[in-house]
Amino acid sequence: MKDLEFYKNERAQQWRDELRKSMKAKDRTSLERVEMEEQEALVRNTNFTEVNLGLIENLAVNEAKRCLDCADPTCIDGCPVNINIPKFVKKIEAQDFLGAAAVLKETNSLPAVCGRVCPQEKQCENSCFYTVKLKKTPVAIGYLERFAADYERNSGQVNIPEVAESNGIKVASVGSGPAGLAWAADMARMGYDVTVFEALHEIGGVLKYGIPEFRLPNDIIDFEIENLRKMGVKFHSNFLVGKTQNFDDLREQGYEAFFVGSGAGLPNFMNIPGENSINILSSNEFLTRVNLMGAIRTDADTPAPMGKTVAVIGGGNTAMDSVRVAKRLGAERSIIVYRRSREEMPARIEEVKHAIEEEVEFMNLHNPIEYIADERGFVKKMRLQKMELGEPDASGRRRPVPIEGAIEEIDVDVVVVAVGVSPNPLVPAVLPNLETTKWGTIVVNDMMQSSVEDVFAGGDIVRGGATVILAMGDGRKAAEGMQKYLKEKNRA
């Protein structure tokens, strides 16, 4: 953080002089934001190849030129892991692409992932000088992050961050999702003996089971994880802390502190009539079967149910992922059913745009009230209550209100419910002294420490549901808090 503050102060002193010497600010602000090339919509909706194709070098350099390298770079404050954004962008402008990747890795252990799935439009780009002051299109920070990370990976000249000399202190993460991976990277940098335990058979948590490959290819995740291995982080899959071994077992093996990043993998349902019908499933199950268990193969052990008409209930990113997967699995009609308007959908604007282009249908201002099954128990129809928008609720969005007597019935073969998730209950169940909220999330202090002093936590198990980058920010903060705790403990 000191380096970041020094950079900000230095930039404040040099900013005007450098702008006079280089391209003038008005010339930079006149440049148009680049567009990333994509697969054709009606081609990509039949395959699982990545939709966005990345930037080529000259486009990345041109976009980097739009950055004003502000005296007070508010974009940094908008980044949950505090990437030094102007510094890495200016490296790209100078065509020092490997240098840009090195800057990213100073604070972000998963730059190729974040460049693809982070909601930059709500975070760093929303805090960009262009957005805040000029009311113009912000610098494409996410595109540039992806470009730098991909360039380094493809160059074969991968920079592995330096780690401090080993202090011999063993620490462990419960979960290998984005929070656990970010925590592991920072603890490894500080010289700790780091182990990450994962309940599933592959490392990556929600990055692997929850995000389709057309948004985040598995080889990208595996590459980032391999870099952590090279930093000394150890991974154990098929290991359920609390069942395979409990916390006391691990303490006896010498582990002195734990980070819990076990996520929010417990799906929510609406508890409406007929919801137990066959071929109604959660988005967690649907995406896990496809992403992690090969359900797209005809010989899969756990195939995903196929249907001509697939309805996905919800309006977030998980709903968009599910409905776009259904289209790729051959659904003739893939439908989003959401009780609010399209403008109020919490999904990323880009994801909604891609879904529309891929011929996904939207039934906004509709809410399921009942499912009707055939004589075999398979869902065949869905009854929908038409809605209208009333006064704003606690979220600031206008509350959906039923229109009396406005009921619609449509045919469906498969329904995927994506109306939210709840925290994984296993860790709280095996730590009786762990304080939790009424929603099942773990209570932590400012340094992400729980009521059990050697247990820290972050990500969805604390927030109840958040973005990849917010979870990573929690992991980094927890590493800082754990470092302080362990220093005080071993000094005593």
Protein backbone atom coordinates (compact mmCIF):
# COMPACT_ATOMS: atom_id res chain seq x y z
CA MET A 1 0.00 0.00 0.00
CA LYS A 2 2.90 2.36 0.66
CA ASP A 3 4.10 1.84 -2.90
CA LEU A 4 0.62 2.68 -4.16
CA GLU A 5 0.43 5.90 -2.16
CA PHE A 6 3.92 6.85 -3.33
CA TYR A 7 2.83 6.27 -6.91
CA LYS A 8 -0.24 8.44 -6.46
CA ASN A 9 1.81 11.28 -4.95
CA GLU A 10 4.47 11.04 -7.62
CA ARG A 11 1.86 11.03 -10.35
CA ALA A 12 0.22 14.12 -8.88
CA GLN A 13 3.54 16.00 -9.20
CA GLN A 14 4.41 14.79 -12.68
CA TRP A 15 1.00 14.51 -14.31
CA ARG A 16 0.69 17.93 -15.98
CA ASP A 17 4.31 18.05 -17.15
CA GLU A 18 4.11 14.62 -18.74
CA LEU A 19 0.86 15.41 -20.50
CA ARG A 20 2.50 18.45 -22.08
CA LYS A 21 5.40 16.35 -23.30
CA SER A 22 3.31 13.47 -24.64
CA MET A 23 -0.06 13.28 -26.33
CA LYS A 24 -2.28 16.11 -25.14
CA ALA A 25 -5.20 15.23 -22.92
CA LYS A 26 -7.74 16.47 -25.45
CA ASP A 27 -6.15 14.21 -28.09
CA ARG A 28 -6.47 11.21 -25.76
CA THR A 29 -10.08 11.92 -24.88
CA SER A 30 -10.99 12.12 -28.55
CA LEU A 31 -9.96 8.50 -29.11
CA GLU A 32 -12.78 5.98 -29.42
CA ARG A 33 -12.92 2.99 -27.08
CA VAL A 34 -11.95 -0.23 -28.85
CA GLU A 35 -14.39 -3.07 -29.41
CA MET A 36 -13.38 -6.66 -28.77
CA GLU A 37 -13.93 -9.14 -31.56
CA GLU A 38 -16.43 -11.91 -30.81
CA GLN A 39 -17.61 -15.14 -32.39
CA GLU A 40 -20.67 -14.69 -34.57
CA ALA A 41 -23.77 -15.01 -32.38
CA LEU A 42 -25.50 -17.79 -34.32
CA VAL A 43 -22.25 -19.76 -34.54
CA ARG A 44 -21.21 -19.44 -30.92
CA ASN A 45 -24.63 -20.43 -29.58
CA THR A 46 -23.91 -23.93 -30.85
CA ASN A 47 -20.48 -24.36 -29.25
CA PHE A 48 -18.66 -23.87 -25.95
CA THR A 49 -15.65 -22.02 -27.39
CA GLU A 50 -14.93 -18.65 -25.78
CA VAL A 51 -17.20 -15.90 -27.09
CA ASN A 52 -14.83 -12.94 -26.65
CA LEU A 53 -11.68 -13.29 -28.73
CA GLY A 54 -9.42 -10.72 -27.03
CA LEU A 55 -7.50 -7.72 -28.36
CA ILE A 56 -4.63 -7.76 -30.82
CA GLU A 57 -1.53 -5.75 -29.93
CA ASN A 58 -2.22 -2.55 -31.85
CA LEU A 59 -5.77 -2.29 -30.49
CA ALA A 60 -4.50 -2.79 -26.93
CA VAL A 61 -1.89 -0.06 -27.39
CA ASN A 62 -4.46 2.30 -28.90
CA GLU A 63 -6.84 1.71 -26.00
CA ALA A 64 -4.05 2.24 -23.49
CA LYS A 65 -3.40 5.65 -25.05
CA ARG A 66 -6.84 6.75 -23.88
CA CYS A 67 -5.70 6.53 -20.24
CA LEU A 68 -4.94 10.01 -18.86
CA ASP A 69 -2.74 8.62 -16.06
CA CYS A 70 -4.66 10.86 -13.66
CA ALA A 71 -3.06 12.62 -10.74
CA ASP A 72 -5.63 10.93 -8.51
CA PRO A 73 -6.34 7.55 -10.14
CA THR A 74 -9.79 6.82 -8.76
CA CYS A 75 -9.92 3.65 -10.86
CA ILE A 76 -7.57 2.04 -8.32
CA ASP A 77 -10.04 2.76 -5.53
CA GLY A 78 -12.73 1.02 -7.60
CA CYS A 79 -10.69 -2.21 -7.74
CA PRO A 80 -11.28 -4.59 -4.79
CA VAL A 81 -7.69 -5.88 -5.02
CA ASN A 82 -6.16 -2.43 -5.64
CA ILE A 83 -4.43 -3.11 -8.95
CA ASN A 84 -2.18 -0.20 -9.91
CA ILE A 85 -4.25 0.36 -13.04
CA PRO A 86 -2.52 3.42 -14.57
CA LYS A 87 0.87 1.76 -14.13
CA PHE A 88 -0.06 -1.44 -15.97
CA VAL A 89 -1.98 0.46 -18.67
CA LYS A 90 0.99 2.75 -19.35
CA LYS A 91 3.20 -0.34 -19.68
CA ILE A 92 0.87 -1.50 -22.46
CA GLU A 93 1.03 1.92 -24.13
CA ALA A 94 4.84 1.62 -24.08
CA GLN A 95 4.46 -1.89 -25.57
CA ASP A 96 6.03 -3.44 -22.47
CA PHE A 97 3.38 -6.14 -22.30
CA LEU A 98 5.28 -8.46 -19.97
CA GLY A 99 5.89 -5.52 -17.67
CA ALA A 100 2.14 -4.85 -17.63
CA ALA A 101 1.48 -8.46 -16.61
CA ALA A 102 4.05 -8.17 -13.82
CA VAL A 103 2.28 -5.09 -12.44
CA LEU A 104 -1.04 -6.96 -12.42
CA LYS A 105 0.50 -9.83 -10.48
CA GLU A 106 1.67 -7.48 -7.75
CA THR A 107 -1.85 -7.56 -6.31
CA ASN A 108 -3.90 -9.94 -8.48
CA SER A 109 -3.11 -13.66 -8.57
CA LEU A 110 -5.75 -14.36 -11.26
CA PRO A 111 -5.47 -11.59 -13.88
CA ALA A 112 -6.57 -13.70 -16.86
CA VAL A 113 -9.66 -14.78 -14.91
CA CYS A 114 -10.54 -11.29 -13.69
CA GLY A 115 -10.03 -9.79 -17.14
CA ARG A 116 -12.82 -12.09 -18.32
CA VAL A 117 -15.42 -12.25 -15.56
CA CYS A 118 -15.07 -9.15 -13.37
CA PRO A 119 -17.87 -6.57 -13.63
CA GLN A 120 -15.43 -3.77 -14.47
CA GLU A 121 -18.33 -1.59 -15.57
CA LYS A 122 -19.47 -1.45 -11.92
CA GLN A 123 -16.00 -1.21 -10.37
CA CYS A 124 -12.76 0.19 -11.83
CA GLU A 125 -14.28 1.46 -15.07
CA ASN A 126 -17.14 3.04 -13.17
CA SER A 127 -14.51 5.00 -11.21
CA CYS A 128 -12.52 6.00 -14.31
CA PHE A 129 -11.95 9.74 -14.87
CA TYR A 130 -13.81 9.44 -18.17
CA THR A 131 -16.91 8.15 -16.38
CA VAL A 132 -16.77 10.32 -13.26
CA LYS A 133 -15.69 13.66 -14.72
CA LEU A 134 -16.09 13.60 -18.49
CA LYS A 135 -19.28 11.48 -18.63
CA LYS A 136 -17.69 9.53 -21.48
CA THR A 137 -16.98 5.88 -22.15
CA PRO A 138 -14.28 4.68 -19.71
CA VAL A 139 -10.96 3.11 -20.60
CA ALA A 140 -11.49 -0.61 -21.29
CA ILE A 141 -9.53 -1.69 -18.23
CA GLY A 142 -10.93 -5.23 -18.27
CA TYR A 143 -9.97 -5.76 -21.91
CA LEU A 144 -6.45 -4.52 -21.19
CA GLU A 145 -6.08 -6.74 -18.12
CA ARG A 146 -7.08 -9.75 -20.17
CA PHE A 147 -4.73 -8.73 -22.98
CA ALA A 148 -1.68 -8.41 -20.70
CA ALA A 149 -2.38 -11.71 -18.93
CA ASP A 150 -2.99 -13.57 -22.20
CA TYR A 151 0.09 -12.06 -23.82
CA GLU A 152 2.29 -13.29 -20.97
CA ARG A 153 0.76 -16.78 -21.03
CA ASN A 154 1.21 -17.10 -24.80
CA SER A 155 4.74 -15.69 -24.72
CA GLY A 156 6.11 -18.55 -22.64
CA GLN A 157 7.90 -15.97 -20.45
CA VAL A 158 5.73 -16.29 -17.38
CA ASN A 159 6.71 -14.27 -14.34
CA ILE A 160 6.21 -16.15 -11.07
CA PRO A 161 5.95 -13.67 -8.17
CA GLU A 162 8.75 -13.85 -5.63
CA VAL A 163 8.05 -15.52 -2.31
CA ALA A 164 9.73 -14.79 0.99
CA GLU A 165 11.97 -17.32 2.68
CA SER A 166 9.91 -20.05 4.31
CA ASN A 167 8.96 -19.42 7.94
CA GLY A 168 7.78 -23.01 8.40
CA ILE A 169 4.30 -22.00 9.60
CA LYS A 170 1.52 -24.17 8.15
CA VAL A 171 -1.77 -22.57 7.14
CA ALA A 172 -4.70 -23.91 5.14
CA SER A 173 -7.66 -22.80 3.08
CA VAL A 174 -11.02 -24.59 3.10
CA GLY A 175 -12.07 -24.13 -0.50
CA SER A 176 -10.21 -23.35 -3.73
CA GLY A 177 -12.48 -20.68 -5.16
CA PRO A 178 -11.35 -17.12 -5.92
CA ALA A 179 -11.21 -16.09 -2.24
CA GLY A 180 -9.09 -19.10 -1.28
CA LEU A 181 -6.76 -18.70 -4.26
CA ALA A 182 -6.16 -15.00 -3.58
CA TRP A 183 -5.51 -15.75 0.10
CA ALA A 184 -3.11 -18.57 -0.83
CA ALA A 185 -1.11 -16.36 -3.18
CA ASP A 186 -0.57 -13.66 -0.57
CA MET A 187 0.29 -16.13 2.19
CA ALA A 188 2.79 -17.86 -0.09
CA ARG A 189 4.40 -14.50 -0.91
CA MET A 190 4.88 -13.95 2.82
CA GLY A 191 6.70 -17.25 3.27
CA TYR A 192 4.01 -19.47 4.77
CA ASP A 193 3.55 -23.20 4.10
CA VAL A 194 0.21 -23.01 2.29
CA THR A 195 -2.25 -25.85 1.61
CA VAL A 196 -5.61 -25.50 -0.13
CA PHE A 197 -8.25 -28.19 0.50
CA GLU A 198 -11.01 -28.64 -2.10
CA ALA A 199 -14.08 -30.87 -1.67
CA LEU A 200 -14.57 -31.42 -5.42
CA HIS A 201 -12.32 -33.39 -7.75
CA GLU A 202 -11.00 -30.30 -9.54
CA ILE A 203 -9.40 -27.13 -8.17
CA GLY A 204 -11.02 -23.76 -8.78
CA GLY A 205 -14.32 -23.77 -6.90
CA VAL A 206 -17.02 -21.66 -8.54
CA LEU A 207 -14.58 -20.71 -11.31
CA LYS A 208 -14.72 -24.32 -12.48
CA TYR A 209 -18.23 -25.50 -11.61
CA GLY A 210 -20.16 -22.26 -11.94
CA ILE A 211 -18.91 -20.44 -15.05
CA PRO A 212 -19.25 -21.98 -18.53
CA GLU A 213 -16.21 -22.35 -20.74
CA PHE A 214 -17.58 -19.95 -23.34
CA ARG A 215 -17.04 -17.25 -20.70
CA LEU A 216 -14.05 -18.66 -18.82
CA PRO A 217 -12.13 -21.56 -20.40
CA ASN A 218 -10.84 -24.20 -17.99
CA ASP A 219 -7.31 -24.01 -19.37
CA ILE A 220 -7.15 -20.37 -18.27
CA ILE A 221 -8.07 -21.34 -14.71
CA ASP A 222 -5.62 -24.26 -14.73
CA PHE A 223 -2.82 -21.97 -15.91
CA GLU A 224 -3.41 -19.51 -13.07
CA ILE A 225 -3.53 -22.36 -10.54
CA GLU A 226 -0.29 -23.82 -11.90
CA ASN A 227 1.41 -20.49 -11.25
CA LEU A 228 0.32 -20.74 -7.61
CA ARG A 229 1.81 -24.23 -7.46
CA LYS A 230 5.08 -22.78 -8.69
CA MET A 231 4.89 -20.33 -5.78
CA GLY A 232 4.77 -23.33 -3.46
CA VAL A 233 1.03 -23.62 -2.80
CA LYS A 234 -0.13 -27.22 -2.30
CA PHE A 235 -3.59 -28.42 -3.38
CA HIS A 236 -5.62 -31.38 -2.14
CA SER A 237 -8.85 -32.23 -4.00
CA ASN A 238 -11.58 -34.65 -2.86
CA PHE A 239 -10.94 -33.43 0.68
CA LEU A 240 -13.94 -32.25 2.68
CA VAL A 241 -12.78 -30.41 5.79
CA GLY A 242 -15.17 -31.39 8.55
CA LYS A 243 -15.73 -34.86 7.04
CA THR A 244 -12.48 -36.19 5.56
CA GLN A 245 -10.71 -34.63 8.51
CA ASN A 246 -11.91 -32.03 10.98
CA PHE A 247 -10.21 -28.85 12.14
CA ASP A 248 -8.75 -30.48 15.25
CA ASP A 249 -7.14 -33.19 13.10
CA LEU A 250 -5.50 -30.50 11.00
CA ARG A 251 -4.40 -28.54 14.07
CA GLU A 252 -2.70 -31.70 15.36
CA GLN A 253 -0.85 -31.89 12.03
CA GLY A 254 0.61 -28.46 12.70
CA TYR A 255 -1.75 -26.09 10.90
CA GLU A 256 -1.82 -22.84 12.88
CA ALA A 257 -4.57 -20.91 11.07
CA PHE A 258 -7.33 -21.49 8.55
CA PHE A 259 -9.08 -19.46 5.87
CA VAL A 260 -12.64 -20.53 5.06
CA GLY A 261 -13.64 -19.73 1.50
CA SER A 262 -16.18 -22.51 1.06
CA GLY A 263 -18.62 -20.32 -0.85
CA ALA A 264 -22.38 -20.32 -1.17
CA GLY A 265 -23.15 -23.56 -2.92
CA LEU A 266 -26.53 -24.28 -1.36
CA PRO A 267 -29.19 -23.46 -3.98
CA ASN A 268 -32.37 -21.56 -3.16
CA PHE A 269 -35.77 -22.57 -4.50
CA MET A 270 -39.07 -20.70 -4.60
CA ASN A 271 -41.16 -23.34 -2.76
CA ILE A 272 -44.10 -23.12 -5.12
CA PRO A 273 -46.49 -25.94 -6.10
CA GLY A 274 -45.01 -28.52 -8.44
CA GLU A 275 -41.40 -27.48 -7.88
CA ASN A 276 -40.42 -31.08 -7.10
CA SER A 277 -41.42 -32.23 -10.58
CA ILE A 278 -38.82 -34.09 -12.67
CA ASN A 279 -36.57 -31.85 -14.81
CA ILE A 280 -36.77 -28.89 -12.45
CA LEU A 281 -33.28 -28.35 -11.06
CA SER A 282 -31.08 -25.67 -9.57
CA SER A 283 -28.63 -23.68 -11.63
CA ASN A 284 -25.86 -25.06 -9.38
CA GLU A 285 -26.67 -28.61 -10.37
CA PHE A 286 -27.24 -27.76 -14.03
CA LEU A 287 -23.98 -25.83 -14.45
CA THR A 288 -21.93 -28.29 -12.37
CA ARG A 289 -23.09 -31.19 -14.53
CA VAL A 290 -22.13 -29.30 -17.68
CA ASN A 291 -18.96 -27.51 -16.54
CA LEU A 292 -17.39 -30.14 -14.31
CA MET A 293 -18.97 -33.49 -15.13
CA GLY A 294 -19.01 -33.58 -18.94
CA ALA A 295 -22.78 -33.45 -19.33
CA ILE A 296 -22.45 -32.15 -22.88
CA ARG A 297 -21.18 -35.61 -23.89
CA THR A 298 -23.75 -38.17 -25.01
CA ASP A 299 -22.05 -40.83 -22.85
CA ALA A 300 -21.91 -38.70 -19.69
CA ASP A 301 -22.56 -40.48 -16.39
CA THR A 302 -24.59 -37.50 -15.17
CA PRO A 303 -26.15 -35.99 -18.32
CA ALA A 304 -28.00 -32.70 -18.11
CA PRO A 305 -31.69 -32.96 -18.95
CA MET A 306 -32.42 -31.84 -22.51
CA GLY A 307 -35.60 -30.22 -23.73
CA LYS A 308 -37.11 -28.26 -26.60
CA THR A 309 -38.19 -25.48 -24.25
CA VAL A 310 -35.96 -24.59 -21.30
CA ALA A 311 -36.99 -21.85 -18.88
CA VAL A 312 -34.44 -20.29 -16.53
CA ILE A 313 -35.83 -18.42 -13.52
CA GLY A 314 -33.75 -15.41 -12.47
CA GLY A 315 -31.96 -12.35 -13.79
CA GLY A 316 -28.37 -12.60 -12.58
CA ASN A 317 -25.18 -13.79 -14.23
CA THR A 318 -25.86 -17.38 -13.19
CA ALA A 319 -29.24 -17.25 -14.92
CA MET A 320 -27.60 -15.86 -18.07
CA ASP A 321 -24.98 -18.61 -17.96
CA SER A 322 -27.66 -21.27 -17.55
CA VAL A 323 -29.91 -20.06 -20.35
CA ARG A 324 -26.99 -19.70 -22.76
CA VAL A 325 -25.83 -23.23 -21.87
CA ALA A 326 -29.35 -24.52 -22.57
CA LYS A 327 -29.25 -22.94 -26.01
CA ARG A 328 -25.93 -24.67 -26.71
CA LEU A 329 -27.36 -28.00 -25.57
CA GLY A 330 -29.93 -27.77 -28.33
CA ALA A 331 -32.99 -26.11 -26.81
CA GLU A 332 -35.26 -24.67 -29.47
CA ARG A 333 -36.51 -22.08 -27.00
CA SER A 334 -34.29 -20.83 -24.18
CA ILE A 335 -36.25 -18.43 -22.02
CA ILE A 336 -35.32 -16.11 -19.15
CA VAL A 337 -38.21 -15.58 -16.74
CA TYR A 338 -37.62 -12.63 -14.41
CA ARG A 339 -40.02 -10.77 -12.18
CA ARG A 340 -38.53 -7.33 -12.81
CA SER A 341 -37.82 -5.37 -16.00
CA ARG A 342 -34.80 -6.03 -18.19
CA GLU A 343 -33.21 -2.73 -17.08
CA GLU A 344 -33.24 -3.94 -13.48
CA MET A 345 -31.61 -7.31 -14.13
CA PRO A 346 -28.46 -7.67 -11.98
CA ALA A 347 -26.57 -9.58 -14.69
CA ARG A 348 -23.71 -7.86 -16.47
CA ILE A 349 -24.79 -5.75 -19.42
CA GLU A 350 -22.43 -7.72 -21.66
CA GLU A 351 -23.99 -11.03 -20.62
CA VAL A 352 -27.51 -9.81 -21.34
CA LYS A 353 -26.36 -8.44 -24.70
CA HIS A 354 -24.74 -11.75 -25.62
CA ALA A 355 -27.86 -13.68 -24.60
CA ILE A 356 -30.09 -11.49 -26.76
CA GLU A 357 -27.74 -11.92 -29.72
CA GLU A 358 -27.82 -15.68 -29.21
CA GLU A 359 -31.63 -15.70 -29.56
CA VAL A 360 -32.47 -16.18 -25.91
CA GLU A 361 -36.05 -15.08 -25.20
CA PHE A 362 -36.84 -12.78 -22.28
CA MET A 363 -40.08 -12.89 -20.30
CA ASN A 364 -39.58 -9.95 -17.99
CA LEU A 365 -42.19 -8.90 -15.45
CA HIS A 366 -43.26 -12.53 -15.08
CA ASN A 367 -42.96 -14.72 -11.99
CA PRO A 368 -43.58 -18.51 -11.71
CA ILE A 369 -46.39 -19.46 -9.32
CA GLU A 370 -46.91 -23.15 -10.17
CA TYR A 371 -45.46 -26.03 -12.22
CA ILE A 372 -47.68 -28.66 -13.79
CA ALA A 373 -46.35 -32.19 -14.39
CA ASP A 374 -47.52 -34.96 -16.72
CA GLU A 375 -48.68 -38.38 -15.54
CA ARG A 376 -45.04 -39.56 -15.22
CA GLY A 377 -44.06 -36.64 -13.00
CA PHE A 378 -42.13 -34.65 -15.63
CA VAL A 379 -42.73 -30.90 -15.75
CA LYS A 380 -44.78 -29.92 -18.81
CA LYS A 381 -46.22 -26.47 -18.07
CA MET A 382 -45.44 -23.40 -16.01
CA ARG A 383 -47.99 -20.91 -14.70
CA LEU A 384 -46.73 -17.33 -14.59
CA GLN A 385 -48.01 -14.30 -12.74
CA LYS A 386 -47.62 -11.10 -14.72
CA MET A 387 -46.03 -8.30 -12.73
CA GLU A 388 -45.71 -4.51 -12.78
CA LEU A 389 -43.22 -2.26 -11.04
CA GLY A 390 -44.24 -0.50 -7.86
CA GLU A 391 -42.29 1.56 -5.34
CA PRO A 392 -38.54 0.94 -4.76
CA ASP A 393 -37.60 -1.73 -2.22
CA ALA A 394 -34.55 -1.91 0.08
CA SER A 395 -32.27 -2.62 -2.91
CA GLY A 396 -33.34 0.63 -4.57
CA ARG A 397 -35.03 -1.21 -7.41
CA ARG A 398 -38.75 -0.86 -7.98
CA ARG A 399 -40.65 -3.67 -6.30
CA PRO A 400 -42.45 -6.11 -8.63
CA VAL A 401 -46.18 -6.20 -7.86
CA PRO A 402 -48.61 -8.86 -9.18
CA ILE A 403 -51.25 -7.71 -11.67
CA GLU A 404 -54.50 -9.11 -10.36
CA GLY A 405 -55.94 -11.83 -12.58
CA ALA A 406 -53.05 -11.69 -15.11
CA ILE A 407 -51.95 -15.33 -15.30
CA GLU A 408 -50.19 -16.94 -18.24
CA GLU A 409 -49.38 -20.59 -18.91
CA ILE A 410 -46.53 -21.83 -21.12
CA ASP A 411 -45.17 -25.23 -22.12
CA VAL A 412 -41.77 -26.21 -20.70
CA ASP A 413 -39.63 -29.35 -20.75
CA VAL A 414 -36.86 -28.25 -18.36
CA VAL A 415 -36.76 -25.52 -15.70
CA VAL A 416 -33.53 -24.22 -14.17
CA VAL A 417 -33.99 -22.21 -10.97
CA ALA A 418 -31.37 -19.45 -10.53
CA VAL A 419 -32.87 -17.31 -7.77
CA GLY A 420 -29.84 -17.17 -5.49
CA VAL A 421 -27.78 -19.35 -3.19
CA SER A 422 -27.12 -19.74 0.52
CA PRO A 423 -23.79 -20.31 2.29
CA ASN A 424 -22.33 -23.79 2.48
CA PRO A 425 -23.43 -25.01 5.95
CA LEU A 426 -20.73 -27.62 6.60
CA VAL A 427 -18.05 -25.48 8.27
CA PRO A 428 -20.44 -23.75 10.69
CA ALA A 429 -21.89 -27.18 11.52
CA VAL A 430 -18.52 -28.56 12.66
CA LEU A 431 -17.36 -25.43 14.52
CA PRO A 432 -19.93 -24.96 17.30
CA ASN A 433 -18.25 -21.80 18.64
CA LEU A 434 -18.32 -20.12 15.23
CA GLU A 435 -20.62 -17.09 15.17
CA THR A 436 -22.94 -16.93 12.17
CA THR A 437 -25.77 -14.71 11.03
CA LYS A 438 -29.40 -15.77 10.65
CA TRP A 439 -28.62 -16.31 6.95
CA GLY A 440 -25.82 -18.76 7.76
CA THR A 441 -22.94 -16.47 6.81
CA ILE A 442 -19.84 -16.35 9.00
CA VAL A 443 -19.43 -13.22 11.13
CA VAL A 444 -15.96 -11.65 10.78
CA ASN A 445 -14.22 -8.52 12.02
CA ASP A 446 -12.45 -5.87 9.92
CA MET A 447 -9.54 -8.26 9.29
CA MET A 448 -11.83 -11.16 8.26
CA GLN A 449 -11.22 -13.01 11.56
CA SER A 450 -14.12 -15.08 12.93
CA SER A 451 -15.14 -15.73 16.52
CA VAL A 452 -12.82 -18.77 16.43
CA GLU A 453 -9.50 -16.95 16.63
CA ASP A 454 -7.51 -19.17 14.25
CA VAL A 455 -10.28 -19.18 11.63
CA PHE A 456 -10.60 -16.39 9.05
CA ALA A 457 -13.19 -16.28 6.28
CA GLY A 458 -14.16 -14.41 3.13
CA GLY A 459 -16.07 -14.52 -0.12
CA ASP A 460 -19.61 -15.87 -0.40
CA ILE A 461 -19.47 -17.68 2.97
CA VAL A 462 -19.26 -14.19 4.49
CA ARG A 463 -21.09 -12.08 1.90
CA GLY A 464 -23.76 -14.59 0.96
CA GLY A 465 -23.15 -14.00 -2.74
CA ALA A 466 -20.69 -11.72 -4.52
CA THR A 467 -18.41 -11.33 -7.51
CA VAL A 468 -15.12 -13.12 -8.12
CA ILE A 469 -13.10 -9.97 -7.53
CA LEU A 470 -14.89 -9.07 -4.27
CA ALA A 471 -14.16 -12.58 -3.01
CA MET A 472 -10.51 -12.12 -3.98
CA GLY A 473 -10.42 -8.82 -2.10
CA ASP A 474 -11.67 -10.65 0.98
CA GLY A 475 -8.97 -13.28 0.55
CA ARG A 476 -6.25 -10.65 0.39
CA LYS A 477 -7.59 -8.84 3.45
CA ALA A 478 -7.80 -12.14 5.34
CA ALA A 479 -4.16 -12.88 4.48
CA GLU A 480 -3.18 -9.52 5.95
CA GLY A 481 -5.22 -10.21 9.08
CA MET A 482 -3.86 -13.75 9.45
CA GLN A 483 -0.29 -12.51 9.11
CA LYS A 484 -0.88 -10.06 11.96
CA TYR A 485 -2.57 -12.74 14.10
CA LEU A 486 0.22 -15.28 13.58
CA LYS A 487 2.96 -12.75 14.32
CA GLU A 488 1.30 -11.81 17.60
CA LYS A 489 0.62 -15.46 18.48
CA ASN A 490 4.18 -16.63 17.82
CA ARG A 491 5.61 -13.61 19.61
CA ALA A 492 3.65 -14.45 22.78
